[in-house]
């Protein structure tokens, strides 16, 4: 998995490095983004009988927030590469579940998370394609890969404590995982320099421990530390008792608002990469934004 991420990252850097600007305006954009985050994991939600994509599985009551920075390189009016870094929190709580059995389990978490993502973007509506909105409105879909660090915590006596070293399930787990971010976004140009954006982002991860819960309780004598023993007793732990579903991986959804600044570097020659896409995707006479 690390090898795949490394190859993807180096290939992206190489592609951007060898492609010259295809536009009269600079292809580089930088900006900030922020929004709320909703966890889809083992805690809260509607239970194992509910689809991960059902509204019942999203604990909006426990929604937290993520914020970050991004940089975009536009290879062509239809294609761009976006790199972003964001951090914040994910949270869910069994007391907000629609399932009585999950409410009785009564577990909770708040996870600190940092994500570095690279996402190619395809603009199915590029600037100038909507009547009356020339050079202002665009829309795109995207999918890519990300590297995620996370640290799940449980609330005990009004304090959130890290669970990683507690050994509540009798096994260790890595706090670094890969993710697959994907979604849809829209942008509106305020002027030549500044753009407002909104996107719906779903990140599928390759871990089941974003919320610190995956399988079943370990034996009491195997948990590590006083706080772990308190949590074990308070949340009715018992060896072999189900805590989560190990057959599914965790996901989270974010809704981002963004503000992006576009550099102006003057006229730069078009690249061969631009002409390749322009030949297949652009209509005659529409070679610029």
Protein backbone atom coordinates (compact mmCIF):
# COMPACT_ATOMS: atom_id res chain seq x y z
CA UNK A 1 0.00 0.00 0.00
CA UNK A 2 2.87 2.41 0.84
CA UNK A 3 4.55 1.51 -2.46
CA UNK A 4 1.36 2.33 -4.41
CA UNK A 5 1.06 5.69 -2.66
CA UNK A 6 4.74 6.52 -3.35
CA UNK A 7 4.46 5.65 -7.05
CA UNK A 8 1.26 7.69 -7.40
CA UNK A 9 2.78 10.71 -5.66
CA UNK A 10 6.02 10.68 -7.67
CA UNK A 11 4.13 10.21 -10.94
CA UNK A 12 1.93 13.20 -10.16
CA UNK A 13 4.91 15.43 -9.32
CA UNK A 14 6.66 14.34 -12.53
CA UNK A 15 3.58 15.02 -14.65
CA UNK A 16 3.13 18.51 -13.23
CA UNK A 17 6.82 19.28 -13.39
CA UNK A 18 7.10 18.49 -17.10
CA UNK A 19 3.89 20.19 -18.20
CA UNK A 20 4.12 23.89 -19.05
CA UNK A 21 1.23 26.27 -18.43
CA UNK A 22 -1.43 25.88 -21.14
CA UNK A 23 -3.11 29.16 -20.37
CA UNK A 24 -2.72 32.92 -20.55
CA UNK A 25 -3.39 32.86 -16.80
CA UNK A 26 -1.20 30.91 -14.43
CA UNK A 27 -2.27 27.27 -13.95
CA UNK A 28 -1.47 27.48 -10.21
CA UNK A 29 -4.10 28.10 -7.54
CA UNK A 30 -3.73 28.05 -3.75
CA UNK A 31 -6.36 28.35 -1.08
CA UNK A 32 -7.92 27.44 2.24
CA UNK A 33 -10.91 25.23 2.99
CA UNK A 34 -13.00 24.27 6.01
CA UNK A 35 -16.15 22.33 6.75
CA UNK A 36 -17.90 19.81 8.95
CA UNK A 37 -17.04 16.12 9.15
CA UNK A 38 -19.30 13.13 9.78
CA UNK A 39 -17.97 9.71 10.75
CA UNK A 40 -19.30 6.43 9.33
CA UNK A 41 -17.79 3.67 11.48
CA UNK A 42 -18.67 1.18 14.18
CA UNK A 43 -20.16 3.66 16.66
CA UNK A 44 -23.49 5.42 16.39
CA UNK A 45 -25.41 5.07 13.13
CA UNK A 46 -28.12 2.58 12.41
CA UNK A 47 -26.30 -0.69 13.01
CA UNK A 48 -25.02 -3.48 10.78
CA UNK A 49 -28.38 -3.92 9.02
CA UNK A 50 -28.27 -0.36 7.63
CA UNK A 51 -26.35 0.52 4.47
CA UNK A 52 -23.23 2.67 5.05
CA UNK A 53 -24.74 5.15 2.60
CA UNK A 54 -28.09 5.40 4.40
CA UNK A 55 -28.79 8.74 6.16
CA UNK A 56 -29.47 6.69 9.32
CA UNK A 57 -25.78 5.78 9.45
CA UNK A 58 -24.56 9.38 9.65
CA UNK A 59 -24.30 10.81 13.15
CA UNK A 60 -24.83 14.48 12.27
CA UNK A 61 -25.39 15.28 15.95
CA UNK A 62 -21.72 14.45 16.60
CA UNK A 63 -20.40 16.29 13.53
CA UNK A 64 -17.02 17.92 14.04
CA UNK A 65 -14.82 19.96 11.70
CA UNK A 66 -11.81 19.79 9.38
CA UNK A 67 -9.82 22.65 7.87
CA UNK A 68 -6.79 22.88 5.65
CA UNK A 69 -4.88 24.28 2.69
CA UNK A 70 -4.77 23.23 -0.94
CA UNK A 71 -2.89 23.85 -4.18
CA UNK A 72 -4.21 23.09 -7.66
CA UNK A 73 -2.41 22.80 -11.00
CA UNK A 74 -4.68 22.98 -14.06
CA UNK A 75 -3.31 20.79 -16.82
CA UNK A 76 -6.18 21.67 -19.14
CA UNK A 77 -9.63 23.33 -18.85
CA UNK A 78 -10.97 19.79 -18.26
CA UNK A 79 -8.23 18.39 -16.00
CA UNK A 80 -6.42 19.45 -12.84
CA UNK A 81 -4.31 17.96 -10.06
CA UNK A 82 -5.19 19.04 -6.51
CA UNK A 83 -3.00 18.54 -3.46
CA UNK A 84 -4.37 19.24 0.00
CA UNK A 85 -3.58 18.94 3.68
CA UNK A 86 -6.32 19.07 6.30
CA UNK A 87 -6.70 18.34 9.97
CA UNK A 88 -9.42 18.28 12.59
CA UNK A 89 -11.72 15.87 14.38
CA UNK A 90 -14.11 13.01 13.76
CA UNK A 91 -16.68 11.95 16.34
CA UNK A 92 -19.59 9.59 16.91
CA UNK A 93 -21.60 8.43 19.90
CA UNK A 94 -23.81 5.40 20.46
CA UNK A 95 -26.36 7.50 22.33
CA UNK A 96 -27.26 9.17 18.99
CA UNK A 97 -27.95 5.85 17.24
CA UNK A 98 -31.36 4.86 15.90
CA UNK A 99 -30.72 1.30 17.17
CA UNK A 100 -31.64 0.43 20.78
CA UNK A 101 -28.92 -2.24 21.01
CA UNK A 102 -26.27 0.27 19.95
CA UNK A 103 -27.58 2.84 22.43
CA UNK A 104 -27.18 0.25 25.20
CA UNK A 105 -23.55 -0.37 24.14
CA UNK A 106 -23.00 3.35 24.93
CA UNK A 107 -19.51 3.77 23.44
CA UNK A 108 -18.14 7.05 22.14
CA UNK A 109 -15.05 8.49 20.47
CA UNK A 110 -13.42 11.65 19.23
CA UNK A 111 -10.55 11.16 16.80
CA UNK A 112 -7.84 13.64 15.90
CA UNK A 113 -7.08 13.26 12.19
CA UNK A 114 -4.59 14.66 9.66
CA UNK A 115 -4.83 13.89 5.94
CA UNK A 116 -2.51 14.54 2.98
CA UNK A 117 -4.37 13.97 -0.31
CA UNK A 118 -3.69 14.05 -4.05
CA UNK A 119 -6.79 14.09 -6.25
CA UNK A 120 -7.00 14.38 -10.05
CA UNK A 121 -10.06 16.41 -11.07
CA UNK A 122 -12.23 16.21 -14.20
CA UNK A 123 -14.29 19.30 -15.05
CA UNK A 124 -17.54 18.14 -16.64
CA UNK A 125 -18.56 21.81 -16.66
CA UNK A 126 -15.60 24.03 -17.42
CA UNK A 127 -15.50 27.81 -17.30
CA UNK A 128 -17.67 29.43 -19.96
CA UNK A 129 -20.00 26.48 -20.63
CA UNK A 130 -23.02 27.81 -18.73
CA UNK A 131 -25.01 30.55 -20.46
CA UNK A 132 -24.67 33.88 -18.69
CA UNK A 133 -21.91 32.54 -16.41
CA UNK A 134 -18.93 32.88 -18.73
CA UNK A 135 -15.63 32.40 -16.92
CA UNK A 136 -17.39 32.18 -13.54
CA UNK A 137 -18.97 28.79 -12.88
CA UNK A 138 -17.40 25.32 -13.14
CA UNK A 139 -18.12 21.86 -11.72
CA UNK A 140 -15.96 18.77 -11.34
CA UNK A 141 -15.67 15.25 -10.01
CA UNK A 142 -12.54 13.78 -8.50
CA UNK A 143 -10.94 10.73 -6.95
CA UNK A 144 -7.49 10.07 -5.60
CA UNK A 145 -5.44 8.74 -2.72
CA UNK A 146 -4.52 10.07 0.70
CA UNK A 147 -2.27 9.31 3.64
CA UNK A 148 -3.99 9.63 7.02
CA UNK A 149 -2.77 9.86 10.61
CA UNK A 150 -5.41 9.39 13.32
CA UNK A 151 -5.59 9.10 17.10
CA UNK A 152 -8.91 7.84 18.55
CA UNK A 153 -9.92 8.94 22.05
CA UNK A 154 -12.70 7.97 24.46
CA UNK A 155 -14.50 10.32 26.83
CA UNK A 156 -14.06 9.40 30.50
CA UNK A 157 -15.14 11.81 33.25
CA UNK A 158 -15.37 14.78 30.86
CA UNK A 159 -11.89 14.16 29.45
CA UNK A 160 -10.94 12.57 26.12
CA UNK A 161 -8.18 9.98 26.56
CA UNK A 162 -6.22 8.22 23.80
CA UNK A 163 -7.21 4.55 23.40
CA UNK A 164 -4.34 3.26 21.26
CA UNK A 165 -2.28 1.82 24.14
CA UNK A 166 -5.21 0.44 26.14
CA UNK A 167 -5.32 -2.90 24.32
CA UNK A 168 -9.11 -3.07 24.74
CA UNK A 169 -9.44 -5.64 21.96
CA UNK A 170 -6.22 -7.53 22.63
CA UNK A 171 -4.51 -6.36 19.44
CA UNK A 172 -2.44 -3.43 18.24
CA UNK A 173 -3.41 -1.21 15.31
CA UNK A 174 -1.52 1.31 13.21
CA UNK A 175 -2.48 4.96 13.48
CA UNK A 176 -1.43 5.55 9.87
CA UNK A 177 -3.59 4.38 6.97
CA UNK A 178 -4.32 5.09 3.33
CA UNK A 179 -7.58 6.55 2.12
CA UNK A 180 -9.48 6.99 -1.14
CA UNK A 181 -11.06 10.47 -1.29
CA UNK A 182 -13.73 11.06 -3.93
CA UNK A 183 -16.53 13.49 -4.54
CA UNK A 184 -18.02 16.36 -6.50
CA UNK A 185 -17.41 20.09 -6.34
CA UNK A 186 -18.43 23.44 -7.80
CA UNK A 187 -16.52 26.72 -8.11
CA UNK A 188 -17.63 30.30 -8.70
CA UNK A 189 -15.11 32.96 -9.75
CA UNK A 190 -15.60 36.20 -7.84
CA UNK A 191 -13.10 37.91 -10.13
CA UNK A 192 -9.92 37.07 -12.01
CA UNK A 193 -8.04 36.27 -8.81
CA UNK A 194 -10.48 34.83 -6.27
CA UNK A 195 -12.82 31.82 -6.39
CA UNK A 196 -15.38 30.44 -3.95
CA UNK A 197 -15.88 26.69 -3.89
CA UNK A 198 -18.00 23.97 -2.31
CA UNK A 199 -17.50 20.22 -2.44
CA UNK A 200 -18.91 17.05 -0.94
CA UNK A 201 -16.06 14.69 -0.06
CA UNK A 202 -16.20 11.02 0.96
CA UNK A 203 -13.06 9.26 2.20
CA UNK A 204 -12.95 5.46 2.29
CA UNK A 205 -10.11 4.26 4.54
CA UNK A 206 -8.24 0.99 4.87
CA UNK A 207 -8.59 0.78 8.64
CA UNK A 208 -11.42 -0.20 10.97
CA UNK A 209 -9.95 1.73 13.90
CA UNK A 210 -10.70 5.39 13.12
CA UNK A 211 -13.11 5.23 16.06
CA UNK A 212 -10.90 2.88 18.11
CA UNK A 213 -13.48 0.09 17.77
CA UNK A 214 -13.39 -2.94 15.48
CA UNK A 215 -13.97 -6.41 16.94
CA UNK A 216 -14.63 -7.68 20.49
CA UNK A 217 -13.44 -7.00 24.03
CA UNK A 218 -10.22 -8.55 25.27
CA UNK A 219 -9.99 -10.17 28.71
CA UNK A 220 -9.94 -7.71 31.62
CA UNK A 221 -6.45 -8.78 32.69
CA UNK A 222 -5.09 -8.02 29.19
CA UNK A 223 -6.05 -4.34 29.02
CA UNK A 224 -3.29 -1.83 29.75
CA UNK A 225 -3.44 0.90 32.41
CA UNK A 226 -5.84 2.24 35.00
CA UNK A 227 -7.85 4.29 32.50
CA UNK A 228 -8.34 1.22 30.31
CA UNK A 229 -9.63 -0.79 33.28
CA UNK A 230 -12.03 2.02 34.21
CA UNK A 231 -13.34 2.12 30.64
CA UNK A 232 -13.64 -1.68 30.59
CA UNK A 233 -15.81 -1.69 33.72
CA UNK A 234 -17.84 1.42 32.92
CA UNK A 235 -18.80 0.24 29.43
CA UNK A 236 -19.61 -3.32 30.53
CA UNK A 237 -16.67 -5.01 28.85
CA UNK A 238 -16.52 -8.81 28.82
CA UNK A 239 -14.08 -11.10 27.05
CA UNK A 240 -15.40 -11.93 23.58
CA UNK A 241 -18.30 -9.46 23.80
CA UNK A 242 -18.90 -7.65 20.52
CA UNK A 243 -17.67 -4.07 20.26
CA UNK A 244 -17.83 -3.52 16.48
CA UNK A 245 -17.90 -5.13 13.04
CA UNK A 246 -14.41 -6.15 11.80
CA UNK A 247 -15.73 -6.94 8.31
CA UNK A 248 -16.17 -3.28 7.31
CA UNK A 249 -13.72 -0.40 7.05
CA UNK A 250 -14.38 3.10 8.34
CA UNK A 251 -15.34 6.10 6.21
CA UNK A 252 -15.98 9.76 6.79
CA UNK A 253 -17.74 12.51 4.87
CA UNK A 254 -16.89 16.20 4.74
CA UNK A 255 -18.57 19.26 3.26
CA UNK A 256 -15.98 21.90 2.42
CA UNK A 257 -16.25 25.59 1.63
CA UNK A 258 -13.12 27.00 0.04
CA UNK A 259 -11.54 30.30 -0.94
CA UNK A 260 -8.90 30.04 -3.67
CA UNK A 261 -6.41 32.54 -5.06
CA UNK A 262 -5.14 32.24 -8.62
CA UNK A 263 -1.69 33.48 -9.55
CA UNK A 264 -1.21 35.64 -12.63
CA UNK A 265 2.10 34.95 -14.34
CA UNK A 266 1.40 36.20 -17.86
CA UNK A 267 1.33 34.34 -21.13
CA UNK A 268 3.14 30.97 -21.12
CA UNK A 269 3.39 28.64 -24.06
CA UNK A 270 1.00 25.70 -24.31
CA UNK A 271 2.41 22.27 -23.55
CA UNK A 272 2.18 19.09 -25.58
CA UNK A 273 0.08 17.67 -22.74
CA UNK A 274 -2.44 20.49 -23.19
CA UNK A 275 -2.68 19.92 -26.97
CA UNK A 276 -3.35 16.21 -26.42
CA UNK A 277 -6.41 16.92 -24.25
CA UNK A 278 -7.47 19.86 -26.39
CA UNK A 279 -7.57 17.67 -29.51
CA UNK A 280 -9.94 15.16 -27.90
CA UNK A 281 -12.05 17.30 -25.58
CA UNK A 282 -12.26 20.91 -26.75
CA UNK A 283 -14.34 22.46 -29.47
CA UNK A 284 -12.61 24.71 -32.02
CA UNK A 285 -11.94 28.20 -30.77
CA UNK A 286 -12.30 27.32 -27.06
CA UNK A 287 -8.74 26.76 -25.96
CA UNK A 288 -8.66 29.03 -22.93
CA UNK A 289 -10.59 29.45 -19.70
